[in-house]
PDB file of N, CA and C in Angstrom:
ATOM      1  N   MET A   1      15.207  -5.385  39.139  1.00  0.00           N
ATOM      2  CA  MET A   1      14.823  -4.500  38.052  1.00  0.00           C
ATOM      3  C   MET A   1      14.886  -5.298  36.746  1.00  0.00           C
ATOM      4  N   THR A   2      13.851  -5.209  35.966  1.00  0.00           N
ATOM      5  CA  THR A   2      13.830  -5.933  34.698  1.00  0.00           C
ATOM      6  C   THR A   2      14.231  -5.001  33.567  1.00  0.00           C
ATOM      7  N   ALA A   3      14.821  -5.578  32.581  1.00  0.00           N
ATOM      8  CA  ALA A   3      15.246  -4.788  31.424  1.00  0.00           C
ATOM      9  C   ALA A   3      14.025  -4.430  30.584  1.00  0.00           C
ATOM     10  N   SER A   4      14.013  -3.236  30.078  1.00  0.00           N
ATOM     11  CA  SER A   4      12.909  -2.853  29.205  1.00  0.00           C
ATOM     12  C   SER A   4      13.111  -3.503  27.841  1.00  0.00           C
ATOM     13  N   PRO A   5      12.001  -3.860  27.178  1.00  0.00           N
ATOM     14  CA  PRO A   5      12.151  -4.509  25.870  1.00  0.00           C
ATOM     15  C   PRO A   5      12.763  -3.557  24.854  1.00  0.00           C
ATOM     16  N   ARG A   6      13.593  -4.113  24.019  1.00  0.00           N
ATOM     17  CA  ARG A   6      14.192  -3.307  22.956  1.00  0.00           C
ATOM     18  C   ARG A   6      13.205  -3.211  21.814  1.00  0.00           C
ATOM     19  N   HIS A   7      13.065  -2.039  21.294  1.00  0.00           N
ATOM     20  CA  HIS A   7      12.184  -1.838  20.155  1.00  0.00           C
ATOM     21  C   HIS A   7      13.040  -1.721  18.907  1.00  0.00           C
ATOM     22  N   GLU A   8      12.865  -2.687  18.037  1.00  0.00           N
ATOM     23  CA  GLU A   8      13.594  -2.654  16.776  1.00  0.00           C
ATOM     24  C   GLU A   8      12.942  -1.604  15.874  1.00  0.00           C
ATOM     25  N   PRO A   9      13.734  -0.889  15.125  1.00  0.00           N
ATOM     26  CA  PRO A   9      13.143   0.082  14.203  1.00  0.00           C
ATOM     27  C   PRO A   9      12.315  -0.646  13.142  1.00  0.00           C
ATOM     28  N   LEU A  10      11.233  -0.017  12.742  1.00  0.00           N
ATOM     29  CA  LEU A  10      10.403  -0.595  11.693  1.00  0.00           C
ATOM     30  C   LEU A  10      11.149  -0.547  10.372  1.00  0.00           C
ATOM     31  N   SER A  11      11.030  -1.600   9.623  1.00  0.00           N
ATOM     32  CA  SER A  11      11.654  -1.581   8.307  1.00  0.00           C
ATOM     33  C   SER A  11      10.771  -0.765   7.360  1.00  0.00           C
ATOM     34  N   PRO A  12      11.361  -0.209   6.321  1.00  0.00           N
ATOM     35  CA  PRO A  12      10.570   0.576   5.376  1.00  0.00           C
ATOM     36  C   PRO A  12       9.488  -0.290   4.737  1.00  0.00           C
ATOM     37  N   PRO A  13       8.288   0.239   4.592  1.00  0.00           N
ATOM     38  CA  PRO A  13       7.208  -0.530   3.963  1.00  0.00           C
ATOM     39  C   PRO A  13       7.557  -0.879   2.522  1.00  0.00           C
ATOM     40  N   ARG A  14       7.241  -2.107   2.142  1.00  0.00           N
ATOM     41  CA  ARG A  14       7.483  -2.549   0.776  1.00  0.00           C
ATOM     42  C   ARG A  14       6.311  -2.141  -0.106  1.00  0.00           C
ATOM     43  N   SER A  15       6.589  -1.984  -1.362  1.00  0.00           N
ATOM     44  CA  SER A  15       5.547  -1.672  -2.326  1.00  0.00           C
ATOM     45  C   SER A  15       4.553  -2.840  -2.387  1.00  0.00           C
ATOM     46  N   PRO A  16       3.261  -2.537  -2.438  1.00  0.00           N
ATOM     47  CA  PRO A  16       2.269  -3.605  -2.543  1.00  0.00           C
ATOM     48  C   PRO A  16       2.057  -4.091  -3.980  1.00  0.00           C
ATOM     49  N   CYS A  17       2.875  -3.635  -4.907  1.00  0.00           N
ATOM     50  CA  CYS A  17       2.734  -4.003  -6.314  1.00  0.00           C
ATOM     51  C   CYS A  17       2.806  -5.525  -6.477  1.00  0.00           C
ATOM     52  N   VAL A  18       1.854  -6.063  -7.258  1.00  0.00           N
ATOM     53  CA  VAL A  18       1.840  -7.497  -7.550  1.00  0.00           C
ATOM     54  C   VAL A  18       1.960  -7.744  -9.053  1.00  0.00           C
ATOM     55  N   LEU A  19       2.408  -6.736  -9.769  1.00  0.00           N
ATOM     56  CA  LEU A  19       2.661  -6.817 -11.210  1.00  0.00           C
ATOM     57  C   LEU A  19       1.411  -7.089 -12.035  1.00  0.00           C
ATOM     58  N   VAL A  20       0.262  -6.651 -11.535  1.00  0.00           N
ATOM     59  CA  VAL A  20      -0.986  -6.643 -12.297  1.00  0.00           C
ATOM     60  C   VAL A  20      -1.346  -5.166 -12.421  1.00  0.00           C
ATOM     61  N   CYS A  21      -0.804  -4.534 -13.419  1.00  0.00           N
ATOM     62  CA  CYS A  21      -0.885  -3.074 -13.524  1.00  0.00           C
ATOM     63  C   CYS A  21      -1.979  -2.660 -14.504  1.00  0.00           C
ATOM     64  N   ARG A  22      -3.204  -2.684 -14.007  1.00  0.00           N
ATOM     65  CA  ARG A  22      -4.367  -2.243 -14.786  1.00  0.00           C
ATOM     66  C   ARG A  22      -5.287  -1.471 -13.871  1.00  0.00           C
ATOM     67  N   MET A  23      -5.783  -0.356 -14.364  1.00  0.00           N
ATOM     68  CA  MET A  23      -6.707   0.445 -13.561  1.00  0.00           C
ATOM     69  C   MET A  23      -8.118  -0.120 -13.691  1.00  0.00           C
ATOM     70  N   ASP A  24      -8.925   0.057 -12.644  1.00  0.00           N
ATOM     71  CA  ASP A  24     -10.307  -0.414 -12.694  1.00  0.00           C
ATOM     72  C   ASP A  24     -11.107   0.406 -13.707  1.00  0.00           C
ATOM     73  N   GLU A  25     -12.336   0.002 -13.940  1.00  0.00           N
ATOM     74  CA  GLU A  25     -13.139   0.626 -14.998  1.00  0.00           C
ATOM     75  C   GLU A  25     -13.416   2.107 -14.744  1.00  0.00           C
ATOM     76  N   ARG A  26     -13.390   2.517 -13.516  1.00  0.00           N
ATOM     77  CA  ARG A  26     -13.581   3.941 -13.208  1.00  0.00           C
ATOM     78  C   ARG A  26     -12.258   4.685 -13.072  1.00  0.00           C
ATOM     79  N   ASP A  27     -11.143   3.958 -13.338  1.00  0.00           N
ATOM     80  CA  ASP A  27      -9.804   4.552 -13.317  1.00  0.00           C
ATOM     81  C   ASP A  27      -9.454   5.133 -11.948  1.00  0.00           C
ATOM     82  N   ARG A  28      -9.926   4.463 -10.906  1.00  0.00           N
ATOM     83  CA  ARG A  28      -9.628   4.916  -9.543  1.00  0.00           C
ATOM     84  C   ARG A  28      -8.422   4.190  -8.971  1.00  0.00           C
ATOM     85  N   TYR A  29      -8.471   2.838  -9.035  1.00  0.00           N
ATOM     86  CA  TYR A  29      -7.460   2.030  -8.372  1.00  0.00           C
ATOM     87  C   TYR A  29      -6.878   0.995  -9.328  1.00  0.00           C
ATOM     88  N   CYS A  30      -5.624   0.653  -9.099  1.00  0.00           N
ATOM     89  CA  CYS A  30      -4.992  -0.443  -9.824  1.00  0.00           C
ATOM     90  C   CYS A  30      -5.663  -1.748  -9.374  1.00  0.00           C
ATOM     91  N   LEU A  31      -5.991  -2.616 -10.321  1.00  0.00           N
ATOM     92  CA  LEU A  31      -6.630  -3.886  -9.982  1.00  0.00           C
ATOM     93  C   LEU A  31      -5.690  -4.817  -9.221  1.00  0.00           C
ATOM     94  N   GLY A  32      -4.395  -4.624  -9.371  1.00  0.00           N
ATOM     95  CA  GLY A  32      -3.443  -5.483  -8.671  1.00  0.00           C
ATOM     96  C   GLY A  32      -3.170  -5.049  -7.247  1.00  0.00           C
ATOM     97  N   CYS A  33      -2.781  -3.799  -7.072  1.00  0.00           N
ATOM     98  CA  CYS A  33      -2.346  -3.353  -5.734  1.00  0.00           C
ATOM     99  C   CYS A  33      -3.346  -2.440  -5.034  1.00  0.00           C
ATOM    100  N   GLN A  34      -4.367  -1.986  -5.741  1.00  0.00           N
ATOM    101  CA  GLN A  34      -5.423  -1.133  -5.178  1.00  0.00           C
ATOM    102  C   GLN A  34      -4.981   0.287  -4.857  1.00  0.00           C
ATOM    103  N   ARG A  35      -3.826   0.704  -5.377  1.00  0.00           N
ATOM    104  CA  ARG A  35      -3.400   2.094  -5.169  1.00  0.00           C
ATOM    105  C   ARG A  35      -3.903   2.962  -6.316  1.00  0.00           C
ATOM    106  N   THR A  36      -3.980   4.270  -6.038  1.00  0.00           N
ATOM    107  CA  THR A  36      -4.331   5.230  -7.082  1.00  0.00           C
ATOM    108  C   THR A  36      -3.103   5.484  -7.943  1.00  0.00           C
ATOM    109  N   ARG A  37      -3.334   6.096  -9.101  1.00  0.00           N
ATOM    110  CA  ARG A  37      -2.196   6.460  -9.958  1.00  0.00           C
ATOM    111  C   ARG A  37      -1.227   7.369  -9.199  1.00  0.00           C
ATOM    112  N   ALA A  38      -1.754   8.323  -8.456  1.00  0.00           N
ATOM    113  CA  ALA A  38      -0.901   9.250  -7.702  1.00  0.00           C
ATOM    114  C   ALA A  38      -0.072   8.510  -6.651  1.00  0.00           C
ATOM    115  N   GLU A  39      -0.692   7.549  -5.957  1.00  0.00           N
ATOM    116  CA  GLU A  39       0.040   6.781  -4.944  1.00  0.00           C
ATOM    117  C   GLU A  39       1.138   5.939  -5.583  1.00  0.00           C
ATOM    118  N   ILE A  40       0.831   5.351  -6.728  1.00  0.00           N
ATOM    119  CA  ILE A  40       1.833   4.539  -7.430  1.00  0.00           C
ATOM    120  C   ILE A  40       3.000   5.414  -7.876  1.00  0.00           C
ATOM    121  N   ALA A  41       2.686   6.546  -8.491  1.00  0.00           N
ATOM    122  CA  ALA A  41       3.729   7.429  -9.020  1.00  0.00           C
ATOM    123  C   ALA A  41       4.618   8.000  -7.915  1.00  0.00           C
ATOM    124  N   ALA A  42       4.039   8.258  -6.751  1.00  0.00           N
ATOM    125  CA  ALA A  42       4.790   8.911  -5.672  1.00  0.00           C
ATOM    126  C   ALA A  42       5.425   7.932  -4.692  1.00  0.00           C
ATOM    127  N   TRP A  43       5.170   6.636  -4.836  1.00  0.00           N
ATOM    128  CA  TRP A  43       5.542   5.662  -3.799  1.00  0.00           C
ATOM    129  C   TRP A  43       6.970   5.824  -3.295  1.00  0.00           C
ATOM    130  N   PHE A  44       7.934   5.930  -4.173  1.00  0.00           N
ATOM    131  CA  PHE A  44       9.331   5.962  -3.723  1.00  0.00           C
ATOM    132  C   PHE A  44       9.741   7.310  -3.135  1.00  0.00           C
ATOM    133  N   GLN A  45       8.898   8.320  -3.247  1.00  0.00           N
ATOM    134  CA  GLN A  45       9.164   9.604  -2.625  1.00  0.00           C
ATOM    135  C   GLN A  45       8.408   9.775  -1.298  1.00  0.00           C
ATOM    136  N   LEU A  46       7.411   8.928  -1.059  1.00  0.00           N
ATOM    137  CA  LEU A  46       6.618   9.049   0.163  1.00  0.00           C
ATOM    138  C   LEU A  46       7.442   8.663   1.383  1.00  0.00           C
ATOM    139  N   ASP A  47       7.170   9.317   2.501  1.00  0.00           N
ATOM    140  CA  ASP A  47       7.837   8.912   3.739  1.00  0.00           C
ATOM    141  C   ASP A  47       7.173   7.632   4.256  1.00  0.00           C
ATOM    142  N   ASP A  48       7.830   6.953   5.168  1.00  0.00           N
ATOM    143  CA  ASP A  48       7.345   5.656   5.638  1.00  0.00           C
ATOM    144  C   ASP A  48       5.967   5.749   6.288  1.00  0.00           C
ATOM    145  N   ALA A  49       5.698   6.805   7.030  1.00  0.00           N
ATOM    146  CA  ALA A  49       4.390   6.947   7.680  1.00  0.00           C
ATOM    147  C   ALA A  49       3.279   7.058   6.637  1.00  0.00           C
ATOM    148  N   THR A  50       3.527   7.782   5.575  1.00  0.00           N
ATOM    149  CA  THR A  50       2.523   7.920   4.522  1.00  0.00           C
ATOM    150  C   THR A  50       2.334   6.591   3.796  1.00  0.00           C
ATOM    151  N   LYS A  51       3.412   5.875   3.548  1.00  0.00           N
ATOM    152  CA  LYS A  51       3.294   4.550   2.927  1.00  0.00           C
ATOM    153  C   LYS A  51       2.441   3.635   3.797  1.00  0.00           C
ATOM    154  N   ARG A  52       2.682   3.651   5.106  1.00  0.00           N
ATOM    155  CA  ARG A  52       1.895   2.804   6.009  1.00  0.00           C
ATOM    156  C   ARG A  52       0.430   3.206   6.002  1.00  0.00           C
ATOM    157  N   SER A  53       0.156   4.480   5.872  1.00  0.00           N
ATOM    158  CA  SER A  53      -1.215   4.961   5.779  1.00  0.00           C
ATOM    159  C   SER A  53      -1.899   4.433   4.516  1.00  0.00           C
ATOM    160  N   VAL A  54      -1.193   4.496   3.397  1.00  0.00           N
ATOM    161  CA  VAL A  54      -1.725   3.949   2.137  1.00  0.00           C
ATOM    162  C   VAL A  54      -1.964   2.452   2.294  1.00  0.00           C
ATOM    163  N   LEU A  55      -0.995   1.734   2.827  1.00  0.00           N
ATOM    164  CA  LEU A  55      -1.131   0.292   3.002  1.00  0.00           C
ATOM    165  C   LEU A  55      -2.321  -0.066   3.888  1.00  0.00           C
ATOM    166  N   ALA A  56      -2.598   0.752   4.895  1.00  0.00           N
ATOM    167  CA  ALA A  56      -3.725   0.501   5.794  1.00  0.00           C
ATOM    168  C   ALA A  56      -5.067   0.638   5.084  1.00  0.00           C
ATOM    169  N   GLU A  57      -5.128   1.419   4.022  1.00  0.00           N
ATOM    170  CA  GLU A  57      -6.374   1.606   3.273  1.00  0.00           C
ATOM    171  C   GLU A  57      -6.648   0.483   2.274  1.00  0.00           C
ATOM    172  N   LEU A  58      -5.642  -0.271   1.906  1.00  0.00           N
ATOM    173  CA  LEU A  58      -5.791  -1.243   0.829  1.00  0.00           C
ATOM    174  C   LEU A  58      -6.786  -2.366   1.107  1.00  0.00           C
ATOM    175  N   PRO A  59      -6.855  -2.932   2.306  1.00  0.00           N
ATOM    176  CA  PRO A  59      -7.842  -4.002   2.526  1.00  0.00           C
ATOM    177  C   PRO A  59      -9.283  -3.555   2.266  1.00  0.00           C
ATOM    178  N   ALA A  60      -9.644  -2.364   2.667  1.00  0.00           N
ATOM    179  CA  ALA A  60     -11.001  -1.868   2.425  1.00  0.00           C
ATOM    180  C   ALA A  60     -11.243  -1.664   0.932  1.00  0.00           C
ATOM    181  N   ARG A  61     -10.228  -1.196   0.230  1.00  0.00           N
ATOM    182  CA  ARG A  61     -10.362  -1.025  -1.216  1.00  0.00           C
ATOM    183  C   ARG A  61     -10.539  -2.381  -1.889  1.00  0.00           C
ATOM    184  N   ARG A  62      -9.764  -3.370  -1.457  1.00  0.00           N
ATOM    185  CA  ARG A  62      -9.864  -4.710  -2.052  1.00  0.00           C
ATOM    186  C   ARG A  62     -11.258  -5.296  -1.856  1.00  0.00           C
ATOM    187  N   ALA A  63     -11.850  -5.026  -0.701  1.00  0.00           N
ATOM    188  CA  ALA A  63     -13.167  -5.584  -0.373  1.00  0.00           C
ATOM    189  C   ALA A  63     -14.260  -5.074  -1.311  1.00  0.00           C
ATOM    190  N   THR A  64     -14.055  -3.917  -1.905  1.00  0.00           N
ATOM    191  CA  THR A  64     -15.097  -3.335  -2.755  1.00  0.00           C
ATOM    192  C   THR A  64     -14.677  -3.207  -4.207  1.00  0.00           C
ATOM    193  N   SER A  65     -13.564  -3.794  -4.564  1.00  0.00           N
ATOM    194  CA  SER A  65     -13.027  -3.637  -5.912  1.00  0.00           C
ATOM    195  C   SER A  65     -13.188  -4.916  -6.721  1.00  0.00           C
ATOM    196  N   PRO A  66     -13.379  -4.785  -8.024  1.00  0.00           N
ATOM    197  CA  PRO A  66     -13.424  -5.997  -8.855  1.00  0.00           C
ATOM    198  C   PRO A  66     -12.066  -6.685  -8.877  1.00  0.00           C
ATOM    199  N   ARG A  67     -12.074  -7.975  -9.073  1.00  0.00           N
ATOM    200  CA  ARG A  67     -10.845  -8.757  -9.147  1.00  0.00           C
ATOM    201  C   ARG A  67     -10.305  -8.743 -10.557  1.00  0.00           C
ATOM    202  N   PRO A  68      -8.972  -8.747 -10.715  1.00  0.00           N
ATOM    203  CA  PRO A  68      -8.413  -8.818 -12.066  1.00  0.00           C
ATOM    204  C   PRO A  68      -8.763 -10.149 -12.727  1.00  0.00           C
ATOM    205  N   GLU A  69      -8.910 -10.125 -14.023  1.00  0.00           N
ATOM    206  CA  GLU A  69      -9.240 -11.356 -14.763  1.00  0.00           C
ATOM    207  C   GLU A  69      -8.012 -12.143 -15.072  1.00  0.00           C
TER     208      GLU A  69
END
């Protein structure tokens, strides 16, 4: 009989903030982290699953967003 693999608990998601805190020209997303104002304001109150959901959306936002100067 083989031992089943141990599953380590997931660590809490870290904030994606990169200290470039400017909203895009349409005021939708932060140019640094690609989160909305609401996501930024609520980050520390969000549960881990919701944080992971937000983090999963960021690559697509980055692909269509202007880069900070």
